[in-house]
Amino acid sequence: MSASISSLKTERLAAALPAELPLLLAPAGDWECAKAAVENGADAIYFGLERFNARLRARNFTEADLPELMAWLHRRGVRGYVTLNTLVFPEELEEAERYIRAMTAAGVDAVIVQDVGIARLVRHLSPDFPIHASTQMTVTSGVGAEFAAELGCEVVVLARECSLKEIAKIRAHLEEGIPNCSGGVCPWGPLRGLLRAMSDQRSPGRTLGQPWRMRPGLSPAL
């Protein structure tokens, strides 16, 4: 009798679930986080490397980790996405290209980008390496989603301030979209960090200096 009740509960639970569950994507800054994410059912993880990563102050994997990490993930049926989610200066393009080549060689499943130029560089280097538009690309409309798709982006991580109604409209423009609704909204523009870039010549998005918390004043440099 108890087995029948348990089976009935399982059937009811399965019927209540959507036909296709959304992708469970988890951040992972090191091996401990990656293993925890996989053991708890993540379909994919995303992580940054030593450069061009908006979370440079956090723990990150290294370029040397990529082959072992991707092999480990793929043996477990889990995908790995690398965040290359900052604006890249012209003098950094050569190193960015080397990073992208290392990703493709290691079997990375997708690169998450902010910079339009980097998206074009990725497509120039590889005709089929998956590109995901980062939330820092600030896509807030169907037109923006279409533009990201024209760049070669297969997935668009929408800007955080999008409402559910807006997300539904934007999704209609793409085959697949993953809205990111976590975290706070930067009052100077969602995670763009343009004021920080002006104040200390750091690429927007790198380590998120939060200059609006500083005392206001005038400076000839600005």
Protein backbone atom coordinates (compact mmCIF):
# COMPACT_ATOMS: atom_id res chain seq x y z
CA MET A 1 0.00 0.00 0.00
CA SER A 2 2.78 2.46 0.94
CA ALA A 3 4.59 1.72 -2.32
CA SER A 4 1.41 2.52 -4.27
CA ILE A 5 0.94 5.80 -2.39
CA SER A 6 4.57 6.74 -3.02
CA SER A 7 4.19 5.93 -6.72
CA LEU A 8 1.04 8.03 -6.93
CA LYS A 9 2.77 10.99 -5.29
CA THR A 10 5.66 10.68 -7.75
CA GLU A 11 3.26 10.63 -10.70
CA ARG A 12 1.43 13.72 -9.42
CA LEU A 13 4.73 15.55 -8.89
CA ALA A 14 5.88 14.68 -12.41
CA ALA A 15 2.57 15.89 -13.85
CA ALA A 16 2.93 19.20 -12.02
CA LEU A 17 6.38 19.90 -13.48
CA PRO A 18 6.77 21.67 -16.84
CA ALA A 19 7.50 19.48 -19.84
CA GLU A 20 10.94 21.05 -20.21
CA LEU A 21 12.77 22.30 -17.13
CA PRO A 22 14.99 25.39 -17.50
CA LEU A 23 18.75 24.99 -17.57
CA LEU A 24 20.26 24.98 -14.08
CA LEU A 25 23.38 27.14 -14.41
CA ALA A 26 25.64 27.68 -11.38
CA PRO A 27 28.70 29.89 -10.78
CA ALA A 28 31.93 28.15 -9.80
CA GLY A 29 35.15 29.93 -8.93
CA ASP A 30 37.24 26.89 -8.02
CA TRP A 31 37.24 23.10 -7.91
CA GLU A 32 35.33 22.95 -4.64
CA CYS A 33 32.52 25.09 -6.06
CA ALA A 34 32.48 23.16 -9.34
CA LYS A 35 32.14 19.82 -7.55
CA ALA A 36 29.40 21.16 -5.28
CA ALA A 37 27.46 22.50 -8.27
CA VAL A 38 27.70 19.22 -10.18
CA GLU A 39 26.80 17.09 -7.16
CA ASN A 40 23.70 19.22 -6.61
CA GLY A 41 22.40 18.82 -10.15
CA ALA A 42 23.76 21.73 -12.17
CA ASP A 43 23.42 21.28 -15.93
CA ALA A 44 26.24 23.75 -16.52
CA ILE A 45 28.65 25.98 -14.63
CA TYR A 46 30.17 29.32 -15.54
CA PHE A 47 33.50 30.65 -14.36
CA GLY A 48 36.12 33.28 -15.09
CA LEU A 49 39.85 33.08 -15.68
CA GLU A 50 42.74 35.34 -14.68
CA ARG A 51 41.88 38.12 -17.18
CA PHE A 52 38.84 39.79 -18.76
CA ASN A 53 36.60 38.67 -15.95
CA ALA A 54 34.22 40.90 -13.97
CA ARG A 55 35.02 39.02 -10.76
CA LEU A 56 38.80 39.30 -10.65
CA ARG A 57 38.82 39.79 -6.89
CA ALA A 58 37.08 36.45 -6.38
CA ARG A 59 38.66 33.03 -6.70
CA ASN A 60 38.97 31.97 -10.34
CA PHE A 61 40.22 29.12 -12.43
CA THR A 62 43.32 29.60 -14.58
CA GLU A 63 43.91 29.05 -18.26
CA ALA A 64 46.03 26.02 -17.32
CA ASP A 65 43.02 24.49 -15.53
CA LEU A 66 40.83 24.46 -18.63
CA PRO A 67 41.70 21.07 -20.22
CA GLU A 68 41.35 19.11 -16.96
CA LEU A 69 38.26 21.00 -15.85
CA MET A 70 36.39 20.60 -19.13
CA ALA A 71 37.26 16.90 -19.36
CA TRP A 72 35.99 16.42 -15.80
CA LEU A 73 32.74 18.25 -16.54
CA HIS A 74 32.06 16.43 -19.79
CA ARG A 75 32.56 13.02 -18.20
CA ARG A 76 29.66 13.97 -15.93
CA GLY A 77 27.48 15.38 -18.68
CA VAL A 78 27.89 18.98 -17.48
CA ARG A 79 28.72 21.97 -19.66
CA GLY A 80 31.28 24.65 -18.85
CA TYR A 81 30.99 28.32 -19.88
CA VAL A 82 33.82 30.85 -19.54
CA THR A 83 33.04 34.48 -18.75
CA LEU A 84 34.95 36.95 -20.88
CA ASN A 85 32.61 39.66 -19.64
CA THR A 86 34.48 42.95 -19.59
CA LEU A 87 35.18 45.60 -22.19
CA VAL A 88 38.56 44.91 -23.77
CA PHE A 89 41.01 47.65 -24.74
CA PRO A 90 42.76 47.57 -28.16
CA GLU A 91 46.15 46.77 -26.64
CA GLU A 92 44.59 43.71 -24.96
CA LEU A 93 43.12 42.12 -28.08
CA GLU A 94 46.12 39.90 -28.75
CA GLU A 95 45.89 38.35 -25.28
CA ALA A 96 42.10 38.05 -25.59
CA GLU A 97 42.58 36.15 -28.84
CA ARG A 98 44.98 33.76 -27.11
CA TYR A 99 42.40 33.16 -24.38
CA ILE A 100 39.70 32.40 -26.93
CA ARG A 101 41.94 29.93 -28.76
CA ALA A 102 42.73 28.21 -25.45
CA MET A 103 38.99 27.91 -24.72
CA THR A 104 38.19 26.29 -28.03
CA ALA A 105 41.16 23.91 -27.74
CA ALA A 106 40.05 22.82 -24.25
CA GLY A 107 36.47 22.14 -25.36
CA VAL A 108 34.75 24.99 -23.52
CA ASP A 109 31.03 24.84 -24.35
CA ALA A 110 30.46 28.60 -24.68
CA VAL A 111 31.99 31.98 -23.93
CA ILE A 112 29.93 34.67 -22.18
CA VAL A 113 30.86 38.11 -23.57
CA GLN A 114 30.05 41.77 -22.96
CA ASP A 115 32.17 43.45 -25.61
CA VAL A 116 30.67 43.58 -29.11
CA GLY A 117 34.17 43.56 -30.57
CA ILE A 118 35.02 40.38 -28.66
CA ALA A 119 31.87 38.72 -30.00
CA ARG A 120 33.02 39.55 -33.53
CA LEU A 121 36.55 38.34 -32.73
CA VAL A 122 35.21 35.00 -31.45
CA ARG A 123 33.18 34.50 -34.62
CA HIS A 124 36.20 35.47 -36.74
CA LEU A 125 38.36 32.85 -35.00
CA SER A 126 35.73 30.12 -34.96
CA PRO A 127 32.56 29.81 -37.06
CA ASP A 128 30.78 27.60 -34.54
CA PHE A 129 32.13 28.37 -31.04
CA PRO A 130 28.94 29.22 -29.03
CA ILE A 131 28.67 32.81 -27.82
CA HIS A 132 26.38 33.93 -24.99
CA ALA A 133 25.58 37.63 -24.52
CA SER A 134 26.37 38.61 -20.94
CA THR A 135 23.93 40.51 -18.75
CA GLN A 136 26.56 43.26 -18.93
CA MET A 137 25.74 43.71 -22.61
CA THR A 138 22.56 45.31 -21.21
CA VAL A 139 20.02 43.80 -23.60
CA THR A 140 16.62 45.20 -22.60
CA SER A 141 14.56 44.90 -25.80
CA GLY A 142 13.74 42.68 -28.72
CA VAL A 143 15.85 44.89 -30.97
CA GLY A 144 18.81 44.37 -28.65
CA ALA A 145 18.22 40.62 -28.69
CA GLU A 146 18.12 40.63 -32.48
CA PHE A 147 21.40 42.57 -32.57
CA ALA A 148 23.03 40.04 -30.22
CA ALA A 149 21.79 37.24 -32.47
CA GLU A 150 23.32 38.98 -35.49
CA LEU A 151 26.64 39.00 -33.62
CA GLY A 152 26.36 35.22 -33.38
CA CYS A 153 25.02 34.93 -29.81
CA GLU A 154 22.97 31.79 -29.27
CA VAL A 155 21.85 32.80 -25.77
CA VAL A 156 21.13 36.24 -24.37
CA VAL A 157 21.42 36.84 -20.63
CA LEU A 158 19.04 39.75 -20.27
CA ALA A 159 19.64 42.90 -18.24
CA ARG A 160 18.61 42.48 -14.62
CA GLU A 161 15.96 45.20 -14.59
CA CYS A 162 13.77 43.50 -17.22
CA SER A 163 10.27 42.63 -16.01
CA LEU A 164 8.65 39.26 -16.67
CA LYS A 165 6.43 40.89 -19.30
CA GLU A 166 9.46 42.38 -21.05
CA ILE A 167 11.31 39.07 -20.85
CA ALA A 168 8.40 37.29 -22.54
CA LYS A 169 8.49 39.80 -25.41
CA ILE A 170 12.25 39.54 -25.81
CA ARG A 171 12.22 35.74 -25.80
CA ALA A 172 9.99 35.85 -28.86
CA HIS A 173 12.94 37.24 -30.83
CA LEU A 174 15.31 34.41 -30.00
CA GLU A 175 15.09 30.65 -29.98
CA GLU A 176 16.61 30.56 -26.50
CA GLY A 177 17.10 33.22 -23.82
CA ILE A 178 18.20 33.07 -20.18
CA PRO A 179 17.15 36.12 -18.16
CA ASN A 180 19.39 36.92 -15.20
CA CYS A 181 17.30 38.42 -12.40
CA SER A 182 19.76 38.22 -9.50
CA GLY A 183 21.80 40.91 -7.77
CA GLY A 184 21.49 44.68 -7.55
CA VAL A 185 21.17 47.21 -10.33
CA CYS A 186 24.02 49.69 -10.67
CA PRO A 187 22.55 53.23 -10.62
CA TRP A 188 25.16 54.35 -13.15
CA GLY A 189 23.97 51.78 -15.69
CA PRO A 190 23.66 48.03 -15.14
CA LEU A 191 27.13 46.78 -14.31
CA ARG A 192 28.75 48.96 -16.97
CA GLY A 193 31.02 50.82 -14.54
CA LEU A 194 31.62 53.72 -16.93
CA LEU A 195 32.33 56.20 -14.12
CA ARG A 196 34.95 53.84 -12.68
CA ALA A 197 36.57 53.56 -16.12
CA MET A 198 36.85 57.36 -16.30
CA SER A 199 38.15 57.75 -12.75
CA ASP A 200 40.95 55.18 -12.77
CA GLN A 201 41.26 53.93 -16.37
CA ARG A 202 39.97 50.48 -15.47
CA SER A 203 37.81 48.67 -18.00
CA PRO A 204 34.12 48.86 -17.05
CA GLY A 205 33.04 45.79 -15.13
CA ARG A 206 36.44 44.81 -13.79
CA THR A 207 36.06 44.20 -10.05
CA LEU A 208 33.10 46.63 -9.78
CA GLY A 209 34.63 49.48 -7.78
CA GLN A 210 31.24 51.09 -6.90
CA PRO A 211 32.36 54.74 -7.20
CA TRP A 212 28.91 56.07 -6.28
CA ARG A 213 29.75 55.21 -2.66
CA MET A 214 32.62 57.71 -2.61
CA ARG A 215 32.28 61.33 -1.47
CA PRO A 216 31.39 63.57 -4.43
CA GLY A 217 33.81 66.22 -5.62
CA LEU A 218 35.33 67.88 -8.70
CA SER A 219 38.47 66.67 -10.41
CA PRO A 220 40.34 68.05 -13.47
CA ALA A 221 40.82 64.45 -14.60
CA LEU A 222 37.08 64.13 -15.23
